[in-house]
């Protein structure tokens, strides 16, 4: 393999990695807590898009519990998103014939 082919292959890998990052950014992941009383939706960029709270929690005496449930639902969504991203990056690595660790940190 000559140097030109190596550079072309590197550009191809970079382009495919960018495409996967764009696909991942378009994803949405939902997390929940409190047996479904609180839901959050995160984008593929880990941006909080929406919070849904069951009306039964909207009482002053439930404030602290509600805060905890929002944090727990966010953590649930973030964990799901991290797993999804890792799976997609491993898939990309397999498709390109690369070791999964080489692409996962991209």
PDB file of N, CA and C in Angstrom:
ATOM      1  N   UNK A   1       0.855  -1.179   0.000  1.00  0.00           N
ATOM      2  CA  UNK A   1       0.000   0.000   0.000  1.00  0.00           C
ATOM      3  C   UNK A   1       0.899   1.240   0.000  1.00  0.00           C
ATOM      4  N   UNK A   2       0.616   2.149  -0.907  1.00  0.00           N
ATOM      5  CA  UNK A   2       1.429   3.360  -0.955  1.00  0.00           C
ATOM      6  C   UNK A   2       0.831   4.434  -0.048  1.00  0.00           C
ATOM      7  N   UNK A   3       1.561   5.508   0.093  1.00  0.00           N
ATOM      8  CA  UNK A   3       1.158   6.584   0.996  1.00  0.00           C
ATOM      9  C   UNK A   3      -0.175   7.215   0.582  1.00  0.00           C
ATOM     10  N   UNK A   4      -0.392   7.353  -0.706  1.00  0.00           N
ATOM     11  CA  UNK A   4      -1.642   7.926  -1.206  1.00  0.00           C
ATOM     12  C   UNK A   4      -2.847   7.072  -0.815  1.00  0.00           C
ATOM     13  N   UNK A   5      -2.693   5.748  -0.933  1.00  0.00           N
ATOM     14  CA  UNK A   5      -3.778   4.839  -0.541  1.00  0.00           C
ATOM     15  C   UNK A   5      -4.048   4.920   0.953  1.00  0.00           C
ATOM     16  N   UNK A   6      -2.995   5.065   1.725  1.00  0.00           N
ATOM     17  CA  UNK A   6      -3.135   5.162   3.172  1.00  0.00           C
ATOM     18  C   UNK A   6      -3.903   6.431   3.555  1.00  0.00           C
ATOM     19  N   UNK A   7      -3.576   7.545   2.909  1.00  0.00           N
ATOM     20  CA  UNK A   7      -4.291   8.802   3.175  1.00  0.00           C
ATOM     21  C   UNK A   7      -5.755   8.699   2.754  1.00  0.00           C
ATOM     22  N   UNK A   8      -6.017   8.048   1.614  1.00  0.00           N
ATOM     23  CA  UNK A   8      -7.392   7.877   1.156  1.00  0.00           C
ATOM     24  C   UNK A   8      -8.176   7.026   2.159  1.00  0.00           C
ATOM     25  N   UNK A   9      -7.558   5.961   2.646  1.00  0.00           N
ATOM     26  CA  UNK A   9      -8.223   5.105   3.616  1.00  0.00           C
ATOM     27  C   UNK A   9      -8.510   5.876   4.913  1.00  0.00           C
ATOM     28  N   UNK A  10      -7.572   6.695   5.345  1.00  0.00           N
ATOM     29  CA  UNK A  10      -7.769   7.495   6.560  1.00  0.00           C
ATOM     30  C   UNK A  10      -8.910   8.482   6.365  1.00  0.00           C
ATOM     31  N   UNK A  11      -9.002   9.099   5.193  1.00  0.00           N
ATOM     32  CA  UNK A  11     -10.106  10.035   4.919  1.00  0.00           C
ATOM     33  C   UNK A  11     -11.442   9.304   4.888  1.00  0.00           C
ATOM     34  N   UNK A  12     -11.458   8.085   4.335  1.00  0.00           N
ATOM     35  CA  UNK A  12     -12.683   7.297   4.309  1.00  0.00           C
ATOM     36  C   UNK A  12     -13.148   6.972   5.733  1.00  0.00           C
ATOM     37  N   UNK A  13     -12.208   6.586   6.575  1.00  0.00           N
ATOM     38  CA  UNK A  13     -12.535   6.281   7.968  1.00  0.00           C
ATOM     39  C   UNK A  13     -13.072   7.526   8.653  1.00  0.00           C
ATOM     40  N   UNK A  14     -12.447   8.653   8.433  1.00  0.00           N
ATOM     41  CA  UNK A  14     -12.888   9.908   9.042  1.00  0.00           C
ATOM     42  C   UNK A  14     -14.297  10.268   8.560  1.00  0.00           C
ATOM     43  N   UNK A  15     -14.559  10.116   7.282  1.00  0.00           N
ATOM     44  CA  UNK A  15     -15.882  10.442   6.738  1.00  0.00           C
ATOM     45  C   UNK A  15     -16.953   9.523   7.310  1.00  0.00           C
ATOM     46  N   UNK A  16     -16.660   8.233   7.420  1.00  0.00           N
ATOM     47  CA  UNK A  16     -17.630   7.293   7.982  1.00  0.00           C
ATOM     48  C   UNK A  16     -17.874   7.585   9.457  1.00  0.00           C
ATOM     49  N   UNK A  17     -16.824   7.934  10.176  1.00  0.00           N
ATOM     50  CA  UNK A  17     -16.966   8.257  11.592  1.00  0.00           C
ATOM     51  C   UNK A  17     -17.823   9.503  11.763  1.00  0.00           C
ATOM     52  N   UNK A  18     -17.607  10.510  10.932  1.00  0.00           N
ATOM     53  CA  UNK A  18     -18.422  11.728  10.988  1.00  0.00           C
ATOM     54  C   UNK A  18     -19.883  11.421  10.688  1.00  0.00           C
ATOM     55  N   UNK A  19     -20.125  10.554   9.723  1.00  0.00           N
ATOM     56  CA  UNK A  19     -21.500  10.185   9.370  1.00  0.00           C
ATOM     57  C   UNK A  19     -22.181   9.505  10.553  1.00  0.00           C
ATOM     58  N   UNK A  20     -21.460   8.630  11.247  1.00  0.00           N
ATOM     59  CA  UNK A  20     -22.037   7.957  12.407  1.00  0.00           C
ATOM     60  C   UNK A  20     -22.318   8.968  13.512  1.00  0.00           C
ATOM     61  N   UNK A  21     -21.416   9.906  13.741  1.00  0.00           N
ATOM     62  CA  UNK A  21     -21.641  10.941  14.760  1.00  0.00           C
ATOM     63  C   UNK A  21     -22.894  11.751  14.432  1.00  0.00           C
ATOM     64  N   UNK A  22     -23.118  12.055  13.165  1.00  0.00           N
ATOM     65  CA  UNK A  22     -24.316  12.794  12.766  1.00  0.00           C
ATOM     66  C   UNK A  22     -25.570  11.960  12.993  1.00  0.00           C
ATOM     67  N   UNK A  23     -25.491  10.664  12.690  1.00  0.00           N
ATOM     68  CA  UNK A  23     -26.627   9.774  12.929  1.00  0.00           C
ATOM     69  C   UNK A  23     -26.927   9.683  14.412  1.00  0.00           C
ATOM     70  N   UNK A  24     -25.893   9.568  15.217  1.00  0.00           N
ATOM     71  CA  UNK A  24     -26.076   9.472  16.663  1.00  0.00           C
ATOM     72  C   UNK A  24     -26.669  10.763  17.228  1.00  0.00           C
ATOM     73  N   UNK A  25     -26.247  11.904  16.694  1.00  0.00           N
ATOM     74  CA  UNK A  25     -26.764  13.186  17.179  1.00  0.00           C
ATOM     75  C   UNK A  25     -28.265  13.304  16.925  1.00  0.00           C
ATOM     76  N   UNK A  26     -28.752  12.626  15.894  1.00  0.00           N
ATOM     77  CA  UNK A  26     -30.175  12.693  15.550  1.00  0.00           C
ATOM     78  C   UNK A  26     -31.031  11.762  16.415  1.00  0.00           C
ATOM     79  N   UNK A  27     -30.392  10.883  17.165  1.00  0.00           N
ATOM     80  CA  UNK A  27     -31.137   9.948  18.007  1.00  0.00           C
ATOM     81  C   UNK A  27     -31.751  10.640  19.214  1.00  0.00           C
ATOM     82  N   UNK A  28     -32.755   9.986  19.771  1.00  0.00           N
ATOM     83  CA  UNK A  28     -33.334  10.417  21.034  1.00  0.00           C
ATOM     84  C   UNK A  28     -33.431   9.195  21.928  1.00  0.00           C
ATOM     85  N   UNK A  29     -33.174   9.384  23.210  1.00  0.00           N
ATOM     86  CA  UNK A  29     -33.242   8.301  24.185  1.00  0.00           C
ATOM     87  C   UNK A  29     -34.119   8.749  25.340  1.00  0.00           C
ATOM     88  N   UNK A  30     -34.960   7.837  25.812  1.00  0.00           N
ATOM     89  CA  UNK A  30     -35.850   8.168  26.920  1.00  0.00           C
ATOM     90  C   UNK A  30     -35.424   7.417  28.168  1.00  0.00           C
ATOM     91  N   UNK A  31     -35.421   8.131  29.271  1.00  0.00           N
ATOM     92  CA  UNK A  31     -35.165   7.527  30.569  1.00  0.00           C
ATOM     93  C   UNK A  31     -36.363   7.780  31.461  1.00  0.00           C
ATOM     94  N   UNK A  32     -36.533   6.896  32.446  1.00  0.00           N
ATOM     95  CA  UNK A  32     -37.663   7.082  33.346  1.00  0.00           C
ATOM     96  C   UNK A  32     -37.261   6.724  34.766  1.00  0.00           C
ATOM     97  N   UNK A  33     -38.086   7.161  35.703  1.00  0.00           N
ATOM     98  CA  UNK A  33     -37.856   6.873  37.120  1.00  0.00           C
ATOM     99  C   UNK A  33     -39.197   6.907  37.835  1.00  0.00           C
ATOM    100  N   UNK A  34     -39.195   6.352  39.042  1.00  0.00           N
ATOM    101  CA  UNK A  34     -40.414   6.377  39.848  1.00  0.00           C
ATOM    102  C   UNK A  34     -41.532   5.587  39.218  1.00  0.00           C
ATOM    103  N   UNK A  35     -41.215   4.406  38.700  1.00  0.00           N
ATOM    104  CA  UNK A  35     -42.219   3.550  38.050  1.00  0.00           C
ATOM    105  C   UNK A  35     -42.959   4.295  36.934  1.00  0.00           C
ATOM    106  N   UNK A  36     -42.214   5.124  36.209  1.00  0.00           N
ATOM    107  CA  UNK A  36     -42.783   5.834  35.068  1.00  0.00           C
ATOM    108  C   UNK A  36     -43.435   7.164  35.390  1.00  0.00           C
ATOM    109  N   UNK A  37     -43.265   7.649  36.609  1.00  0.00           N
ATOM    110  CA  UNK A  37     -43.857   8.943  36.970  1.00  0.00           C
ATOM    111  C   UNK A  37     -43.091  10.120  36.355  1.00  0.00           C
ATOM    112  N   UNK A  38     -41.814   9.906  36.064  1.00  0.00           N
ATOM    113  CA  UNK A  38     -40.987  10.951  35.454  1.00  0.00           C
ATOM    114  C   UNK A  38     -40.286  10.355  34.237  1.00  0.00           C
ATOM    115  N   UNK A  39     -40.338  11.082  33.127  1.00  0.00           N
ATOM    116  CA  UNK A  39     -39.653  10.685  31.893  1.00  0.00           C
ATOM    117  C   UNK A  39     -38.819  11.867  31.416  1.00  0.00           C
ATOM    118  N   UNK A  40     -37.638  11.559  30.895  1.00  0.00           N
ATOM    119  CA  UNK A  40     -36.833  12.588  30.234  1.00  0.00           C
ATOM    120  C   UNK A  40     -36.411  12.050  28.876  1.00  0.00           C
ATOM    121  N   UNK A  41     -36.242  12.966  27.943  1.00  0.00           N
ATOM    122  CA  UNK A  41     -35.753  12.611  26.615  1.00  0.00           C
ATOM    123  C   UNK A  41     -34.468  13.385  26.381  1.00  0.00           C
ATOM    124  N   UNK A  42     -33.414  12.628  26.004  1.00  0.00           N
ATOM    125  CA  UNK A  42     -32.126  13.219  25.657  1.00  0.00           C
ATOM    126  C   UNK A  42     -31.887  13.030  24.171  1.00  0.00           C
ATOM    127  N   UNK A  43     -31.231  14.003  23.556  1.00  0.00           N
ATOM    128  CA  UNK A  43     -30.805  13.847  22.172  1.00  0.00           C
ATOM    129  C   UNK A  43     -29.498  13.057  22.159  1.00  0.00           C
ATOM    130  N   UNK A  44     -29.072  12.667  20.979  1.00  0.00           N
ATOM    131  CA  UNK A  44     -27.817  11.951  20.826  1.00  0.00           C
ATOM    132  C   UNK A  44     -26.618  12.762  21.254  1.00  0.00           C
ATOM    133  N   UNK A  45     -26.793  14.060  21.426  1.00  0.00           N
ATOM    134  CA  UNK A  45     -25.712  14.927  21.912  1.00  0.00           C
ATOM    135  C   UNK A  45     -25.813  15.156  23.411  1.00  0.00           C
ATOM    136  N   UNK A  46     -26.633  14.342  24.071  1.00  0.00           N
ATOM    137  CA  UNK A  46     -26.864  14.425  25.522  1.00  0.00           C
ATOM    138  C   UNK A  46     -27.565  15.706  25.952  1.00  0.00           C
ATOM    139  N   UNK A  47     -28.263  16.344  25.040  1.00  0.00           N
ATOM    140  CA  UNK A  47     -29.015  17.548  25.394  1.00  0.00           C
ATOM    141  C   UNK A  47     -30.393  17.137  25.894  1.00  0.00           C
ATOM    142  N   UNK A  48     -30.809  17.723  27.003  1.00  0.00           N
ATOM    143  CA  UNK A  48     -32.122  17.441  27.560  1.00  0.00           C
ATOM    144  C   UNK A  48     -33.174  18.100  26.674  1.00  0.00           C
ATOM    145  N   UNK A  49     -34.060  17.282  26.113  1.00  0.00           N
ATOM    146  CA  UNK A  49     -35.053  17.799  25.180  1.00  0.00           C
ATOM    147  C   UNK A  49     -36.419  17.978  25.847  1.00  0.00           C
ATOM    148  N   UNK A  50     -36.775  17.043  26.756  1.00  0.00           N
ATOM    149  CA  UNK A  50     -38.108  17.111  27.327  1.00  0.00           C
ATOM    150  C   UNK A  50     -38.136  16.400  28.673  1.00  0.00           C
ATOM    151  N   UNK A  51     -38.939  16.925  29.583  1.00  0.00           N
ATOM    152  CA  UNK A  51     -39.223  16.280  30.864  1.00  0.00           C
ATOM    153  C   UNK A  51     -40.741  16.161  30.976  1.00  0.00           C
ATOM    154  N   UNK A  52     -41.202  14.972  31.330  1.00  0.00           N
ATOM    155  CA  UNK A  52     -42.619  14.750  31.570  1.00  0.00           C
ATOM    156  C   UNK A  52     -42.782  14.271  33.008  1.00  0.00           C
ATOM    157  N   UNK A  53     -43.655  14.948  33.753  1.00  0.00           N
ATOM    158  CA  UNK A  53     -43.871  14.633  35.164  1.00  0.00           C
ATOM    159  C   UNK A  53     -45.349  14.312  35.369  1.00  0.00           C
ATOM    160  N   UNK A  54     -45.610  13.196  36.033  1.00  0.00           N
ATOM    161  CA  UNK A  54     -46.986  12.841  36.369  1.00  0.00           C
ATOM    162  C   UNK A  54     -47.563  13.924  37.280  1.00  0.00           C
ATOM    163  N   UNK A  55     -48.761  14.391  37.008  1.00  0.00           N
ATOM    164  CA  UNK A  55     -49.363  15.469  37.809  1.00  0.00           C
ATOM    165  C   UNK A  55     -49.454  15.157  39.307  1.00  0.00           C
ATOM    166  N   UNK A  56     -49.505  13.888  39.666  1.00  0.00           N
ATOM    167  CA  UNK A  56     -49.603  13.542  41.091  1.00  0.00           C
ATOM    168  C   UNK A  56     -48.377  13.980  41.884  1.00  0.00           C
ATOM    169  N   UNK A  57     -47.266  14.242  41.184  1.00  0.00           N
ATOM    170  CA  UNK A  57     -46.039  14.669  41.864  1.00  0.00           C
ATOM    171  C   UNK A  57     -45.946  16.181  42.034  1.00  0.00           C
ATOM    172  N   UNK A  58     -46.877  16.916  41.455  1.00  0.00           N
ATOM    173  CA  UNK A  58     -46.796  18.376  41.459  1.00  0.00           C
ATOM    174  C   UNK A  58     -47.454  18.985  42.703  1.00  0.00           C
ATOM    175  N   UNK A  59     -46.971  18.550  43.836  1.00  0.00           N
ATOM    176  CA  UNK A  59     -47.442  19.077  45.122  1.00  0.00           C
ATOM    177  C   UNK A  59     -46.218  19.537  45.897  1.00  0.00           C
ATOM    178  N   UNK A  60     -46.342  20.614  46.652  1.00  0.00           N
ATOM    179  CA  UNK A  60     -45.182  21.127  47.389  1.00  0.00           C
ATOM    180  C   UNK A  60     -44.493  20.079  48.256  1.00  0.00           C
ATOM    181  N   UNK A  61     -45.248  19.183  48.850  1.00  0.00           N
ATOM    182  CA  UNK A  61     -44.635  18.181  49.721  1.00  0.00           C
ATOM    183  C   UNK A  61     -43.853  17.115  48.941  1.00  0.00           C
ATOM    184  N   UNK A  62     -44.011  17.074  47.623  1.00  0.00           N
ATOM    185  CA  UNK A  62     -43.288  16.111  46.780  1.00  0.00           C
ATOM    186  C   UNK A  62     -42.063  16.715  46.093  1.00  0.00           C
ATOM    187  N   UNK A  63     -41.764  17.966  46.392  1.00  0.00           N
ATOM    188  CA  UNK A  63     -40.702  18.668  45.678  1.00  0.00           C
ATOM    189  C   UNK A  63     -39.374  17.915  45.699  1.00  0.00           C
ATOM    190  N   UNK A  64     -38.919  17.517  46.857  1.00  0.00           N
ATOM    191  CA  UNK A  64     -37.616  16.852  46.965  1.00  0.00           C
ATOM    192  C   UNK A  64     -37.624  15.507  46.231  1.00  0.00           C
ATOM    193  N   UNK A  65     -38.700  14.757  46.372  1.00  0.00           N
ATOM    194  CA  UNK A  65     -38.813  13.474  45.674  1.00  0.00           C
ATOM    195  C   UNK A  65     -38.818  13.699  44.159  1.00  0.00           C
ATOM    196  N   UNK A  66     -39.527  14.715  43.698  1.00  0.00           N
ATOM    197  CA  UNK A  66     -39.576  15.020  42.275  1.00  0.00           C
ATOM    198  C   UNK A  66     -38.189  15.362  41.743  1.00  0.00           C
ATOM    199  N   UNK A  67     -37.461  16.177  42.483  1.00  0.00           N
ATOM    200  CA  UNK A  67     -36.093  16.524  42.075  1.00  0.00           C
ATOM    201  C   UNK A  67     -35.238  15.270  41.935  1.00  0.00           C
ATOM    202  N   UNK A  68     -35.339  14.356  42.911  1.00  0.00           N
ATOM    203  CA  UNK A  68     -34.572  13.113  42.863  1.00  0.00           C
ATOM    204  C   UNK A  68     -34.978  12.247  41.669  1.00  0.00           C
ATOM    205  N   UNK A  69     -36.272  12.194  41.380  1.00  0.00           N
ATOM    206  CA  UNK A  69     -36.749  11.388  40.256  1.00  0.00           C
ATOM    207  C   UNK A  69     -36.289  11.957  38.915  1.00  0.00           C
ATOM    208  N   UNK A  70     -36.236  13.274  38.805  1.00  0.00           N
ATOM    209  CA  UNK A  70     -35.734  13.890  37.568  1.00  0.00           C
ATOM    210  C   UNK A  70     -34.267  13.533  37.357  1.00  0.00           C
ATOM    211  N   UNK A  71     -33.489  13.614  38.421  1.00  0.00           N
ATOM    212  CA  UNK A  71     -32.066  13.251  38.326  1.00  0.00           C
ATOM    213  C   UNK A  71     -31.923  11.777  37.941  1.00  0.00           C
ATOM    214  N   UNK A  72     -32.726  10.907  38.556  1.00  0.00           N
ATOM    215  CA  UNK A  72     -32.651   9.473  38.258  1.00  0.00           C
ATOM    216  C   UNK A  72     -33.076   9.174  36.816  1.00  0.00           C
ATOM    217  N   UNK A  73     -34.121   9.829  36.342  1.00  0.00           N
ATOM    218  CA  UNK A  73     -34.572   9.624  34.968  1.00  0.00           C
ATOM    219  C   UNK A  73     -33.521  10.105  33.974  1.00  0.00           C
ATOM    220  N   UNK A  74     -32.875  11.218  34.286  1.00  0.00           N
ATOM    221  CA  UNK A  74     -31.801  11.723  33.423  1.00  0.00           C
ATOM    222  C   UNK A  74     -30.643  10.733  33.376  1.00  0.00           C
ATOM    223  N   UNK A  75     -30.266  10.185  34.525  1.00  0.00           N
ATOM    224  CA  UNK A  75     -29.178   9.204  34.573  1.00  0.00           C
ATOM    225  C   UNK A  75     -29.548   7.956  33.765  1.00  0.00           C
ATOM    226  N   UNK A  76     -30.786   7.529  33.854  1.00  0.00           N
ATOM    227  CA  UNK A  76     -31.254   6.376  33.092  1.00  0.00           C
ATOM    228  C   UNK A  76     -31.127   6.630  31.593  1.00  0.00           C
ATOM    229  N   UNK A  77     -31.576   7.785  31.146  1.00  0.00           N
ATOM    230  CA  UNK A  77     -31.488   8.129  29.722  1.00  0.00           C
ATOM    231  C   UNK A  77     -30.035   8.241  29.282  1.00  0.00           C
ATOM    232  N   UNK A  78     -29.193   8.846  30.103  1.00  0.00           N
ATOM    233  CA  UNK A  78     -27.780   8.999  29.761  1.00  0.00           C
ATOM    234  C   UNK A  78     -27.103   7.635  29.628  1.00  0.00           C
ATOM    235  N   UNK A  79     -27.396   6.721  30.551  1.00  0.00           N
ATOM    236  CA  UNK A  79     -26.812   5.377  30.475  1.00  0.00           C
ATOM    237  C   UNK A  79     -27.253   4.651  29.208  1.00  0.00           C
ATOM    238  N   UNK A  80     -28.524   4.763  28.861  1.00  0.00           N
ATOM    239  CA  UNK A  80     -29.017   4.148  27.628  1.00  0.00           C
ATOM    240  C   UNK A  80     -28.326   4.745  26.413  1.00  0.00           C
ATOM    241  N   UNK A  81     -28.148   6.056  26.420  1.00  0.00           N
ATOM    242  CA  UNK A  81     -27.495   6.734  25.306  1.00  0.00           C
ATOM    243  C   UNK A  81     -26.039   6.287  25.175  1.00  0.00           C
ATOM    244  N   UNK A  82     -25.334   6.200  26.293  1.00  0.00           N
ATOM    245  CA  UNK A  82     -23.937   5.767  26.255  1.00  0.00           C
ATOM    246  C   UNK A  82     -23.807   4.360  25.693  1.00  0.00           C
ATOM    247  N   UNK A  83     -24.714   3.463  26.083  1.00  0.00           N
ATOM    248  CA  UNK A  83     -24.688   2.091  25.542  1.00  0.00           C
ATOM    249  C   UNK A  83     -24.961   2.102  24.040  1.00  0.00           C
ATOM    250  N   UNK A  84     -25.930   2.892  23.617  1.00  0.00           N
ATOM    251  CA  UNK A  84     -26.269   2.976  22.204  1.00  0.00           C
ATOM    252  C   UNK A  84     -25.098   3.511  21.382  1.00  0.00           C
ATOM    253  N   UNK A  85     -24.458   4.541  21.874  1.00  0.00           N
ATOM    254  CA  UNK A  85     -23.304   5.114  21.176  1.00  0.00           C
ATOM    255  C   UNK A  85     -22.183   4.079  21.077  1.00  0.00           C
ATOM    256  N   UNK A  86     -21.909   3.377  22.168  1.00  0.00           N
ATOM    257  CA  UNK A  86     -20.850   2.360  22.152  1.00  0.00           C
ATOM    258  C   UNK A  86     -21.164   1.262  21.146  1.00  0.00           C
ATOM    259  N   UNK A  87     -22.413   0.832  21.099  1.00  0.00           N
ATOM    260  CA  UNK A  87     -22.811  -0.203  20.141  1.00  0.00           C
ATOM    261  C   UNK A  87     -22.637   0.273  18.708  1.00  0.00           C
ATOM    262  N   UNK A  88     -23.041   1.507  18.441  1.00  0.00           N
ATOM    263  CA  UNK A  88     -22.918   2.047  17.084  1.00  0.00           C
ATOM    264  C   UNK A  88     -21.445   2.195  16.676  1.00  0.00           C
ATOM    265  N   UNK A  89     -20.612   2.613  17.596  1.00  0.00           N
ATOM    266  CA  UNK A  89     -19.196   2.778  17.269  1.00  0.00           C
ATOM    267  C   UNK A  89     -18.538   1.415  17.046  1.00  0.00           C
ATOM    268  N   UNK A  90     -18.944   0.399  17.790  1.00  0.00           N
ATOM    269  CA  UNK A  90     -18.423  -0.948  17.568  1.00  0.00           C
ATOM    270  C   UNK A  90     -18.875  -1.477  16.212  1.00  0.00           C
ATOM    271  N   UNK A  91     -20.125  -1.185  15.861  1.00  0.00           N
ATOM    272  CA  UNK A  91     -20.633  -1.596  14.556  1.00  0.00           C
ATOM    273  C   UNK A  91     -19.830  -0.941  13.436  1.00  0.00           C
ATOM    274  N   UNK A  92     -19.549   0.325  13.602  1.00  0.00           N
ATOM    275  CA  UNK A  92     -18.758   1.053  12.613  1.00  0.00           C
ATOM    276  C   UNK A  92     -17.374   0.436  12.484  1.00  0.00           C
ATOM    277  N   UNK A  93     -16.767   0.120  13.604  1.00  0.00           N
ATOM    278  CA  UNK A  93     -15.428  -0.478  13.584  1.00  0.00           C
ATOM    279  C   UNK A  93     -15.448  -1.812  12.844  1.00  0.00           C
ATOM    280  N   UNK A  94     -16.468  -2.617  13.127  1.00  0.00           N
ATOM    281  CA  UNK A  94     -16.574  -3.920  12.439  1.00  0.00           C
ATOM    282  C   UNK A  94     -16.732  -3.724  10.943  1.00  0.00           C
ATOM    283  N   UNK A  95     -17.573  -2.782  10.547  1.00  0.00           N
ATOM    284  CA  UNK A  95     -17.803  -2.536   9.120  1.00  0.00           C
ATOM    285  C   UNK A  95     -16.530  -2.099   8.407  1.00  0.00           C
ATOM    286  N   UNK A  96     -15.682  -1.386   9.123  1.00  0.00           N
ATOM    287  CA  UNK A  96     -14.440  -0.906   8.518  1.00  0.00           C
ATOM    288  C   UNK A  96     -13.289  -1.876   8.728  1.00  0.00           C
ATOM    289  N   UNK A  97     -13.529  -2.974   9.456  1.00  0.00           N
ATOM    290  CA  UNK A  97     -12.470  -3.936   9.708  1.00  0.00           C
ATOM    291  C   UNK A  97     -11.413  -3.423  10.672  1.00  0.00           C
ATOM    292  N   UNK A  98     -11.811  -2.522  11.562  1.00  0.00           N
ATOM    293  CA  UNK A  98     -10.888  -1.933  12.539  1.00  0.00           C
ATOM    294  C   UNK A  98     -11.138  -2.520  13.917  1.00  0.00           C
ATOM    295  N   UNK A  99     -10.121  -2.494  14.770  1.00  0.00           N
ATOM    296  CA  UNK A  99     -10.360  -2.895  16.151  1.00  0.00           C
ATOM    297  C   UNK A  99     -11.343  -1.927  16.790  1.00  0.00           C
ATOM    298  N   UNK A 100     -12.306  -2.414  17.586  1.00  0.00           N
ATOM    299  CA  UNK A 100     -13.364  -1.564  18.124  1.00  0.00           C
ATOM    300  C   UNK A 100     -12.810  -0.426  18.977  1.00  0.00           C
ATOM    301  N   UNK A 101     -11.730  -0.621  19.680  1.00  0.00           N
ATOM    302  CA  UNK A 101     -11.155   0.428  20.502  1.00  0.00           C
ATOM    303  C   UNK A 101     -10.617   1.596  19.699  1.00  0.00           C
ATOM    304  N   UNK A 102     -10.265   1.351  18.454  1.00  0.00           N
ATOM    305  CA  UNK A 102      -9.704   2.405  17.619  1.00  0.00           C
ATOM    306  C   UNK A 102     -10.740   3.449  17.256  1.00  0.00           C
ATOM    307  N   UNK A 103     -12.002   3.045  17.054  1.00  0.00           N
ATOM    308  CA  UNK A 103     -13.051   3.964  16.654  1.00  0.00           C
ATOM    309  C   UNK A 103     -13.838   4.467  17.849  1.00  0.00           C
ATOM    310  N   UNK A 104     -13.955   3.678  18.915  1.00  0.00           N
ATOM    311  CA  UNK A 104     -14.831   4.015  20.027  1.00  0.00           C
ATOM    312  C   UNK A 104     -14.494   5.360  20.653  1.00  0.00           C
ATOM    313  N   UNK A 105     -13.259   5.758  20.661  1.00  0.00           N
ATOM    314  CA  UNK A 105     -12.886   7.032  21.268  1.00  0.00           C
ATOM    315  C   UNK A 105     -13.039   8.204  20.335  1.00  0.00           C
ATOM    316  N   UNK A 106     -13.473   7.971  19.116  1.00  0.00           N
ATOM    317  CA  UNK A 106     -13.577   9.043  18.132  1.00  0.00           C
ATOM    318  C   UNK A 106     -14.663  10.005  18.451  1.00  0.00           C
TER     319      UNK A 106
END
